[in-house]
Every structure is written in C-alpha cells, then in structure tokens.
Amino acid sequence: MRKFAIALFACLSLASLDATIANAQNIRTEAEAHPRIAQAIRDLEDAIGYMEAAPNDFGGHKGAAINASRAAVNELRAALAFRAQQDRRY
C-alpha cells in the first residue's frame, strides 16, 4: 500500500509539474502577445525595488505605494494567466 501511495504521489507531482511548465510557456507567449503589459510588470518591479531601497519614506506613502505596486503586478500577471488559459481552450 505504501509503494502504491508513493507511486501515486510521484505521478500526480509529475502531472502537476507538466501542467505548470505548460502554463508558464503559455503565459510567456501571452507576454509576447501583450508586450505593454509585460513592460508594465517590469517597470513596476523596478519601481518596487527602487522604493524599497530608498532611504526616504516619501511623505509616508512609501509602504502604500509598494503594496499597491505589488498588487498591480499580481493583477497584471493574473490577466496574462487568464488569457493563457483561455487560449489553451481553443
């Protein structure tokens, strides 16, 4: 029974890995199809890094700006992932 459980876990892990790789490739394709979104993600990540390293708190807005920028990056990535999933259906 234990060998079966290990084999099942291994198969499920590999299937999940294949799906993850395929999804990453689809998202990469979407990023190429939507270069302005991909550029916005890079620009926001650069701004986040700059803000985190900055000694100034920008009048108390630094933390909120970093959090909002991270949320924007997450939403843009989710948008690309959605498109990738939609394109995979057809």
PDB file of N, CA and C in Angstrom:
ATOM      1  N   MET A   1       0.817  -1.185   0.000  1.00  0.00           N
ATOM      2  CA  MET A   1       0.000   0.000   0.000  1.00  0.00           C
ATOM      3  C   MET A   1       0.869   1.261   0.000  1.00  0.00           C
ATOM      4  N   ARG A   2       1.944   1.225   0.752  1.00  0.00           N
ATOM      5  CA  ARG A   2       2.822   2.384   0.829  1.00  0.00           C
ATOM      6  C   ARG A   2       3.481   2.651  -0.525  1.00  0.00           C
ATOM      7  N   LYS A   3       3.914   1.587  -1.229  1.00  0.00           N
ATOM      8  CA  LYS A   3       4.526   1.766  -2.543  1.00  0.00           C
ATOM      9  C   LYS A   3       3.519   2.372  -3.520  1.00  0.00           C
ATOM     10  N   PHE A   4       2.267   1.945  -3.420  1.00  0.00           N
ATOM     11  CA  PHE A   4       1.226   2.498  -4.280  1.00  0.00           C
ATOM     12  C   PHE A   4       1.049   3.989  -4.005  1.00  0.00           C
ATOM     13  N   ALA A   5       1.026   4.351  -2.743  1.00  0.00           N
ATOM     14  CA  ALA A   5       0.854   5.758  -2.367  1.00  0.00           C
ATOM     15  C   ALA A   5       2.020   6.593  -2.878  1.00  0.00           C
ATOM     16  N   ILE A   6       3.217   6.072  -2.779  1.00  0.00           N
ATOM     17  CA  ILE A   6       4.400   6.797  -3.267  1.00  0.00           C
ATOM     18  C   ILE A   6       4.332   6.945  -4.787  1.00  0.00           C
ATOM     19  N   ALA A   7       3.962   5.871  -5.466  1.00  0.00           N
ATOM     20  CA  ALA A   7       3.854   5.925  -6.934  1.00  0.00           C
ATOM     21  C   ALA A   7       2.768   6.912  -7.361  1.00  0.00           C
ATOM     22  N   LEU A   8       1.645   6.892  -6.670  1.00  0.00           N
ATOM     23  CA  LEU A   8       0.558   7.814  -6.989  1.00  0.00           C
ATOM     24  C   LEU A   8       1.004   9.252  -6.771  1.00  0.00           C
ATOM     25  N   PHE A   9       1.663   9.513  -5.667  1.00  0.00           N
ATOM     26  CA  PHE A   9       2.158  10.858  -5.380  1.00  0.00           C
ATOM     27  C   PHE A   9       3.135  11.314  -6.457  1.00  0.00           C
ATOM     28  N   ALA A  10       4.029  10.418  -6.868  1.00  0.00           N
ATOM     29  CA  ALA A  10       5.009  10.756  -7.901  1.00  0.00           C
ATOM     30  C   ALA A  10       4.312  11.094  -9.216  1.00  0.00           C
ATOM     31  N   CYS A  11       3.329  10.312  -9.592  1.00  0.00           N
ATOM     32  CA  CYS A  11       2.600  10.565 -10.839  1.00  0.00           C
ATOM     33  C   CYS A  11       1.856  11.897 -10.779  1.00  0.00           C
ATOM     34  N   LEU A  12       1.201  12.147  -9.668  1.00  0.00           N
ATOM     35  CA  LEU A  12       0.479  13.408  -9.523  1.00  0.00           C
ATOM     36  C   LEU A  12       1.428  14.598  -9.528  1.00  0.00           C
ATOM     37  N   SER A  13       2.578  14.435  -8.901  1.00  0.00           N
ATOM     38  CA  SER A  13       3.573  15.510  -8.883  1.00  0.00           C
ATOM     39  C   SER A  13       4.084  15.803 -10.274  1.00  0.00           C
ATOM     40  N   LEU A  14       4.366  14.766 -11.038  1.00  0.00           N
ATOM     41  CA  LEU A  14       4.859  14.955 -12.405  1.00  0.00           C
ATOM     42  C   LEU A  14       3.791  15.580 -13.294  1.00  0.00           C
ATOM     43  N   ALA A  15       2.551  15.147 -13.138  1.00  0.00           N
ATOM     44  CA  ALA A  15       1.460  15.727 -13.919  1.00  0.00           C
ATOM     45  C   ALA A  15       1.305  17.200 -13.585  1.00  0.00           C
ATOM     46  N   SER A  16       1.399  17.521 -12.314  1.00  0.00           N
ATOM     47  CA  SER A  16       1.299  18.914 -11.886  1.00  0.00           C
ATOM     48  C   SER A  16       2.453  19.732 -12.438  1.00  0.00           C
ATOM     49  N   LEU A  17       3.645  19.162 -12.433  1.00  0.00           N
ATOM     50  CA  LEU A  17       4.817  19.845 -12.971  1.00  0.00           C
ATOM     51  C   LEU A  17       4.654  20.098 -14.461  1.00  0.00           C
ATOM     52  N   ASP A  18       4.164  19.106 -15.205  1.00  0.00           N
ATOM     53  CA  ASP A  18       3.932  19.293 -16.634  1.00  0.00           C
ATOM     54  C   ASP A  18       2.935  20.415 -16.880  1.00  0.00           C
ATOM     55  N   ALA A  19       1.866  20.438 -16.109  1.00  0.00           N
ATOM     56  CA  ALA A  19       0.859  21.489 -16.256  1.00  0.00           C
ATOM     57  C   ALA A  19       1.445  22.852 -15.921  1.00  0.00           C
ATOM     58  N   THR A  20       2.268  22.911 -14.893  1.00  0.00           N
ATOM     59  CA  THR A  20       2.894  24.170 -14.504  1.00  0.00           C
ATOM     60  C   THR A  20       3.830  24.675 -15.593  1.00  0.00           C
ATOM     61  N   ILE A  21       4.614  23.774 -16.165  1.00  0.00           N
ATOM     62  CA  ILE A  21       5.532  24.158 -17.244  1.00  0.00           C
ATOM     63  C   ILE A  21       4.751  24.634 -18.456  1.00  0.00           C
ATOM     64  N   ALA A  22       3.702  23.900 -18.822  1.00  0.00           N
ATOM     65  CA  ALA A  22       2.879  24.292 -19.970  1.00  0.00           C
ATOM     66  C   ALA A  22       2.236  25.647 -19.714  1.00  0.00           C
ATOM     67  N   ASN A  23       1.741  25.871 -18.505  1.00  0.00           N
ATOM     68  CA  ASN A  23       1.118  27.142 -18.177  1.00  0.00           C
ATOM     69  C   ASN A  23       2.140  28.276 -18.226  1.00  0.00           C
ATOM     70  N   ALA A  24       3.336  28.039 -17.735  1.00  0.00           N
ATOM     71  CA  ALA A  24       4.389  29.062 -17.787  1.00  0.00           C
ATOM     72  C   ALA A  24       4.727  29.411 -19.229  1.00  0.00           C
ATOM     73  N   GLN A  25       4.773  28.412 -20.086  1.00  0.00           N
ATOM     74  CA  GLN A  25       5.046  28.665 -21.503  1.00  0.00           C
ATOM     75  C   GLN A  25       3.910  29.459 -22.134  1.00  0.00           C
ATOM     76  N   ASN A  26       2.666  29.124 -21.773  1.00  0.00           N
ATOM     77  CA  ASN A  26       1.522  29.867 -22.300  1.00  0.00           C
ATOM     78  C   ASN A  26       1.539  31.308 -21.824  1.00  0.00           C
ATOM     79  N   ILE A  27       1.903  31.516 -20.566  1.00  0.00           N
ATOM     80  CA  ILE A  27       1.970  32.884 -20.033  1.00  0.00           C
ATOM     81  C   ILE A  27       3.075  33.659 -20.740  1.00  0.00           C
ATOM     82  N   ARG A  28       4.205  33.004 -20.991  1.00  0.00           N
ATOM     83  CA  ARG A  28       5.292  33.656 -21.718  1.00  0.00           C
ATOM     84  C   ARG A  28       4.822  34.078 -23.104  1.00  0.00           C
ATOM     85  N   THR A  29       4.050  33.213 -23.761  1.00  0.00           N
ATOM     86  CA  THR A  29       3.514  33.537 -25.076  1.00  0.00           C
ATOM     87  C   THR A  29       2.568  34.735 -24.982  1.00  0.00           C
ATOM     88  N   GLU A  30       1.750  34.762 -23.950  1.00  0.00           N
ATOM     89  CA  GLU A  30       0.843  35.894 -23.748  1.00  0.00           C
ATOM     90  C   GLU A  30       1.632  37.182 -23.502  1.00  0.00           C
ATOM     91  N   ALA A  31       2.704  37.087 -22.758  1.00  0.00           N
ATOM     92  CA  ALA A  31       3.538  38.268 -22.511  1.00  0.00           C
ATOM     93  C   ALA A  31       4.111  38.794 -23.825  1.00  0.00           C
ATOM     94  N   GLU A  32       4.478  37.893 -24.715  1.00  0.00           N
ATOM     95  CA  GLU A  32       4.971  38.303 -26.032  1.00  0.00           C
ATOM     96  C   GLU A  32       3.847  38.925 -26.858  1.00  0.00           C
ATOM     97  N   ALA A  33       2.638  38.404 -26.704  1.00  0.00           N
ATOM     98  CA  ALA A  33       1.491  38.931 -27.448  1.00  0.00           C
ATOM     99  C   ALA A  33       1.027  40.275 -26.891  1.00  0.00           C
ATOM    100  N   HIS A  34       1.350  40.539 -25.643  1.00  0.00           N
ATOM    101  CA  HIS A  34       0.936  41.785 -24.976  1.00  0.00           C
ATOM    102  C   HIS A  34       2.171  42.451 -24.358  1.00  0.00           C
ATOM    103  N   PRO A  35       3.048  42.978 -25.203  1.00  0.00           N
ATOM    104  CA  PRO A  35       4.325  43.498 -24.698  1.00  0.00           C
ATOM    105  C   PRO A  35       4.183  44.690 -23.752  1.00  0.00           C
ATOM    106  N   ARG A  36       3.134  45.462 -23.894  1.00  0.00           N
ATOM    107  CA  ARG A  36       2.974  46.610 -22.995  1.00  0.00           C
ATOM    108  C   ARG A  36       2.638  46.159 -21.583  1.00  0.00           C
ATOM    109  N   ILE A  37       1.890  45.075 -21.456  1.00  0.00           N
ATOM    110  CA  ILE A  37       1.598  44.534 -20.125  1.00  0.00           C
ATOM    111  C   ILE A  37       2.883  43.965 -19.517  1.00  0.00           C
ATOM    112  N   ALA A  38       3.635  43.225 -20.328  1.00  0.00           N
ATOM    113  CA  ALA A  38       4.899  42.666 -19.840  1.00  0.00           C
ATOM    114  C   ALA A  38       5.854  43.787 -19.420  1.00  0.00           C
ATOM    115  N   GLN A  39       5.892  44.871 -20.183  1.00  0.00           N
ATOM    116  CA  GLN A  39       6.760  46.001 -19.835  1.00  0.00           C
ATOM    117  C   GLN A  39       6.281  46.679 -18.563  1.00  0.00           C
ATOM    118  N   ALA A  40       4.979  46.785 -18.386  1.00  0.00           N
ATOM    119  CA  ALA A  40       4.433  47.393 -17.168  1.00  0.00           C
ATOM    120  C   ALA A  40       4.831  46.583 -15.938  1.00  0.00           C
ATOM    121  N   ILE A  41       4.806  45.263 -16.062  1.00  0.00           N
ATOM    122  CA  ILE A  41       5.229  44.412 -14.943  1.00  0.00           C
ATOM    123  C   ILE A  41       6.687  44.684 -14.606  1.00  0.00           C
ATOM    124  N   ARG A  42       7.539  44.731 -15.630  1.00  0.00           N
ATOM    125  CA  ARG A  42       8.969  45.002 -15.387  1.00  0.00           C
ATOM    126  C   ARG A  42       9.172  46.387 -14.777  1.00  0.00           C
ATOM    127  N   ASP A  43       8.454  47.386 -15.283  1.00  0.00           N
ATOM    128  CA  ASP A  43       8.589  48.745 -14.751  1.00  0.00           C
ATOM    129  C   ASP A  43       8.130  48.825 -13.295  1.00  0.00           C
ATOM    130  N   LEU A  44       7.022  48.174 -12.985  1.00  0.00           N
ATOM    131  CA  LEU A  44       6.535  48.176 -11.603  1.00  0.00           C
ATOM    132  C   LEU A  44       7.508  47.451 -10.679  1.00  0.00           C
ATOM    133  N   GLU A  45       8.044  46.329 -11.122  1.00  0.00           N
ATOM    134  CA  GLU A  45       9.021  45.612 -10.294  1.00  0.00           C
ATOM    135  C   GLU A  45      10.265  46.464 -10.058  1.00  0.00           C
ATOM    136  N   ASP A  46      10.679  47.209 -11.082  1.00  0.00           N
ATOM    137  CA  ASP A  46      11.823  48.111 -10.933  1.00  0.00           C
ATOM    138  C   ASP A  46      11.498  49.223  -9.933  1.00  0.00           C
ATOM    139  N   ALA A  47      10.298  49.770 -10.028  1.00  0.00           N
ATOM    140  CA  ALA A  47       9.884  50.830  -9.100  1.00  0.00           C
ATOM    141  C   ALA A  47       9.796  50.301  -7.672  1.00  0.00           C
ATOM    142  N   ILE A  48       9.309  49.083  -7.514  1.00  0.00           N
ATOM    143  CA  ILE A  48       9.232  48.476  -6.173  1.00  0.00           C
ATOM    144  C   ILE A  48      10.628  48.354  -5.582  1.00  0.00           C
ATOM    145  N   GLY A  49      11.558  47.859  -6.357  1.00  0.00           N
ATOM    146  CA  GLY A  49      12.941  47.731  -5.890  1.00  0.00           C
ATOM    147  C   GLY A  49      13.542  49.073  -5.519  1.00  0.00           C
ATOM    148  N   TYR A  50      13.271  50.081  -6.343  1.00  0.00           N
ATOM    149  CA  TYR A  50      13.778  51.419  -6.080  1.00  0.00           C
ATOM    150  C   TYR A  50      13.196  51.971  -4.771  1.00  0.00           C
ATOM    151  N   MET A  51      11.886  51.819  -4.629  1.00  0.00           N
ATOM    152  CA  MET A  51      11.229  52.333  -3.429  1.00  0.00           C
ATOM    153  C   MET A  51      11.713  51.610  -2.170  1.00  0.00           C
ATOM    154  N   GLU A  52      11.870  50.289  -2.256  1.00  0.00           N
ATOM    155  CA  GLU A  52      12.334  49.526  -1.096  1.00  0.00           C
ATOM    156  C   GLU A  52      13.729  49.969  -0.662  1.00  0.00           C
ATOM    157  N   ALA A  53      14.577  50.298  -1.627  1.00  0.00           N
ATOM    158  CA  ALA A  53      15.956  50.678  -1.317  1.00  0.00           C
ATOM    159  C   ALA A  53      16.079  52.152  -0.918  1.00  0.00           C
ATOM    160  N   ALA A  54      15.067  52.931  -1.204  1.00  0.00           N
ATOM    161  CA  ALA A  54      15.138  54.369  -0.940  1.00  0.00           C
ATOM    162  C   ALA A  54      15.120  54.649   0.562  1.00  0.00           C
ATOM    163  N   PRO A  55      15.985  55.570   1.018  1.00  0.00           N
ATOM    164  CA  PRO A  55      16.006  55.902   2.440  1.00  0.00           C
ATOM    165  C   PRO A  55      14.820  56.792   2.841  1.00  0.00           C
ATOM    166  N   ASN A  56      14.218  57.468   1.882  1.00  0.00           N
ATOM    167  CA  ASN A  56      13.115  58.371   2.145  1.00  0.00           C
ATOM    168  C   ASN A  56      11.812  57.584   2.227  1.00  0.00           C
ATOM    169  N   ASP A  57      10.868  58.048   3.045  1.00  0.00           N
ATOM    170  CA  ASP A  57       9.574  57.360   3.126  1.00  0.00           C
ATOM    171  C   ASP A  57       8.521  58.043   2.252  1.00  0.00           C
ATOM    172  N   PHE A  58       8.960  59.031   1.469  1.00  0.00           N
ATOM    173  CA  PHE A  58       8.096  59.727   0.508  1.00  0.00           C
ATOM    174  C   PHE A  58       6.824  60.255   1.177  1.00  0.00           C
ATOM    175  N   GLY A  59       7.027  60.948   2.281  1.00  0.00           N
ATOM    176  CA  GLY A  59       5.917  61.564   2.986  1.00  0.00           C
ATOM    177  C   GLY A  59       4.940  60.565   3.578  1.00  0.00           C
ATOM    178  N   GLY A  60       5.444  59.391   3.898  1.00  0.00           N
ATOM    179  CA  GLY A  60       4.596  58.360   4.476  1.00  0.00           C
ATOM    180  C   GLY A  60       3.864  57.513   3.448  1.00  0.00           C
ATOM    181  N   HIS A  61       4.149  57.715   2.167  1.00  0.00           N
ATOM    182  CA  HIS A  61       3.446  56.997   1.102  1.00  0.00           C
ATOM    183  C   HIS A  61       4.229  55.800   0.562  1.00  0.00           C
ATOM    184  N   LYS A  62       5.421  55.617   1.044  1.00  0.00           N
ATOM    185  CA  LYS A  62       6.290  54.558   0.515  1.00  0.00           C
ATOM    186  C   LYS A  62       5.653  53.172   0.656  1.00  0.00           C
ATOM    187  N   GLY A  63       5.214  52.820   1.846  1.00  0.00           N
ATOM    188  CA  GLY A  63       4.640  51.495   2.074  1.00  0.00           C
ATOM    189  C   GLY A  63       3.401  51.251   1.239  1.00  0.00           C
ATOM    190  N   ALA A  64       2.522  52.226   1.187  1.00  0.00           N
ATOM    191  CA  ALA A  64       1.290  52.083   0.405  1.00  0.00           C
ATOM    192  C   ALA A  64       1.606  51.967  -1.085  1.00  0.00           C
ATOM    193  N   ALA A  65       2.593  52.738  -1.559  1.00  0.00           N
ATOM    194  CA  ALA A  65       2.969  52.682  -2.968  1.00  0.00           C
ATOM    195  C   ALA A  65       3.554  51.314  -3.324  1.00  0.00           C
ATOM    196  N   ILE A  66       4.374  50.780  -2.437  1.00  0.00           N
ATOM    197  CA  ILE A  66       4.957  49.456  -2.665  1.00  0.00           C
ATOM    198  C   ILE A  66       3.850  48.397  -2.692  1.00  0.00           C
ATOM    199  N   ASN A  67       2.942  48.459  -1.731  1.00  0.00           N
ATOM    200  CA  ASN A  67       1.856  47.473  -1.677  1.00  0.00           C
ATOM    201  C   ASN A  67       0.943  47.572  -2.902  1.00  0.00           C
ATOM    202  N   ALA A  68       0.613  48.788  -3.306  1.00  0.00           N
ATOM    203  CA  ALA A  68      -0.246  48.967  -4.479  1.00  0.00           C
ATOM    204  C   ALA A  68       0.453  48.491  -5.744  1.00  0.00           C
ATOM    205  N   SER A  69       1.752  48.739  -5.820  1.00  0.00           N
ATOM    206  CA  SER A  69       2.511  48.289  -6.992  1.00  0.00           C
ATOM    207  C   SER A  69       2.590  46.771  -7.046  1.00  0.00           C
ATOM    208  N   ARG A  70       2.785  46.138  -5.893  1.00  0.00           N
ATOM    209  CA  ARG A  70       2.781  44.668  -5.848  1.00  0.00           C
ATOM    210  C   ARG A  70       1.422  44.115  -6.256  1.00  0.00           C
ATOM    211  N   ALA A  71       0.357  44.762  -5.794  1.00  0.00           N
ATOM    212  CA  ALA A  71      -0.996  44.321  -6.168  1.00  0.00           C
ATOM    213  C   ALA A  71      -1.202  44.475  -7.674  1.00  0.00           C
ATOM    214  N   ALA A  72      -0.705  45.559  -8.234  1.00  0.00           N
ATOM    215  CA  ALA A  72      -0.830  45.772  -9.678  1.00  0.00           C
ATOM    216  C   ALA A  72      -0.067  44.700 -10.458  1.00  0.00           C
ATOM    217  N   VAL A  73       1.125  44.368 -10.016  1.00  0.00           N
ATOM    218  CA  VAL A  73       1.904  43.306 -10.664  1.00  0.00           C
ATOM    219  C   VAL A  73       1.137  41.989 -10.609  1.00  0.00           C
ATOM    220  N   ASN A  74       0.576  41.677  -9.449  1.00  0.00           N
ATOM    221  CA  ASN A  74      -0.197  40.438  -9.308  1.00  0.00           C
ATOM    222  C   ASN A  74      -1.391  40.418 -10.253  1.00  0.00           C
ATOM    223  N   GLU A  75      -2.091  41.536 -10.386  1.00  0.00           N
ATOM    224  CA  GLU A  75      -3.256  41.607 -11.271  1.00  0.00           C
ATOM    225  C   GLU A  75      -2.849  41.488 -12.738  1.00  0.00           C
ATOM    226  N   LEU A  76      -1.746  42.120 -13.109  1.00  0.00           N
ATOM    227  CA  LEU A  76      -1.276  42.020 -14.494  1.00  0.00           C
ATOM    228  C   LEU A  76      -0.853  40.585 -14.826  1.00  0.00           C
ATOM    229  N   ARG A  77      -0.190  39.935 -13.878  1.00  0.00           N
ATOM    230  CA  ARG A  77       0.180  38.530 -14.090  1.00  0.00           C
ATOM    231  C   ARG A  77      -1.072  37.650 -14.183  1.00  0.00           C
ATOM    232  N   ALA A  78      -2.059  37.945 -13.357  1.00  0.00           N
ATOM    233  CA  ALA A  78      -3.311  37.185 -13.399  1.00  0.00           C
ATOM    234  C   ALA A  78      -4.017  37.389 -14.737  1.00  0.00           C
ATOM    235  N   ALA A  79      -3.945  38.591 -15.268  1.00  0.00           N
ATOM    236  CA  ALA A  79      -4.552  38.865 -16.573  1.00  0.00           C
ATOM    237  C   ALA A  79      -3.880  38.038 -17.667  1.00  0.00           C
ATOM    238  N   LEU A  80      -2.552  37.987 -17.645  1.00  0.00           N
ATOM    239  CA  LEU A  80      -1.829  37.173 -18.627  1.00  0.00           C
ATOM    240  C   LEU A  80      -2.140  35.689 -18.443  1.00  0.00           C
ATOM    241  N   ALA A  81      -2.215  35.254 -17.196  1.00  0.00           N
ATOM    242  CA  ALA A  81      -2.533  33.841 -16.928  1.00  0.00           C
ATOM    243  C   ALA A  81      -3.935  33.506 -17.419  1.00  0.00           C
ATOM    244  N   PHE A  82      -4.883  34.414 -17.238  1.00  0.00           N
ATOM    245  CA  PHE A  82      -6.242  34.191 -17.722  1.00  0.00           C
ATOM    246  C   PHE A  82      -6.251  34.039 -19.235  1.00  0.00           C
ATOM    247  N   ARG A  83      -5.562  34.956 -19.914  1.00  0.00           N
ATOM    248  CA  ARG A  83      -5.503  34.877 -21.381  1.00  0.00           C
ATOM    249  C   ARG A  83      -4.849  33.567 -21.816  1.00  0.00           C
ATOM    250  N   ALA A  84      -3.810  33.161 -21.131  1.00  0.00           N
ATOM    251  CA  ALA A  84      -3.118  31.921 -21.470  1.00  0.00           C
ATOM    252  C   ALA A  84      -4.065  30.739 -21.312  1.00  0.00           C
ATOM    253  N   GLN A  85      -4.851  30.746 -20.253  1.00  0.00           N
ATOM    254  CA  GLN A  85      -5.817  29.668 -20.022  1.00  0.00           C
ATOM    255  C   GLN A  85      -6.899  29.678 -21.089  1.00  0.00           C
ATOM    256  N   GLN A  86      -7.380  30.843 -21.463  1.00  0.00           N
ATOM    257  CA  GLN A  86      -8.403  30.952 -22.498  1.00  0.00           C
ATOM    258  C   GLN A  86      -7.882  30.461 -23.833  1.00  0.00           C
ATOM    259  N   ASP A  87      -6.662  30.843 -24.177  1.00  0.00           N
ATOM    260  CA  ASP A  87      -6.075  30.438 -25.461  1.00  0.00           C
ATOM    261  C   ASP A  87      -5.848  28.934 -25.521  1.00  0.00           C
ATOM    262  N   ARG A  88      -5.604  28.319 -24.361  1.00  0.00           N
ATOM    263  CA  ARG A  88      -5.370  26.888 -24.316  1.00  0.00           C
ATOM    264  C   ARG A  88      -6.643  26.110 -24.614  1.00  0.00           C
ATOM    265  N   ARG A  89      -7.781  26.714 -24.352  1.00  0.00           N
ATOM    266  CA  ARG A  89      -9.065  26.049 -24.585  1.00  0.00           C
ATOM    267  C   ARG A  89      -9.363  25.874 -26.068  1.00  0.00           C
ATOM    268  N   TYR A  90      -8.829  26.751 -26.889  1.00  0.00           N
ATOM    269  CA  TYR A  90      -9.185  26.726 -28.315  1.00  0.00           C
ATOM    270  C   TYR A  90      -8.096  26.203 -29.168  1.00  0.00           C
TER     271      TYR A  90
END
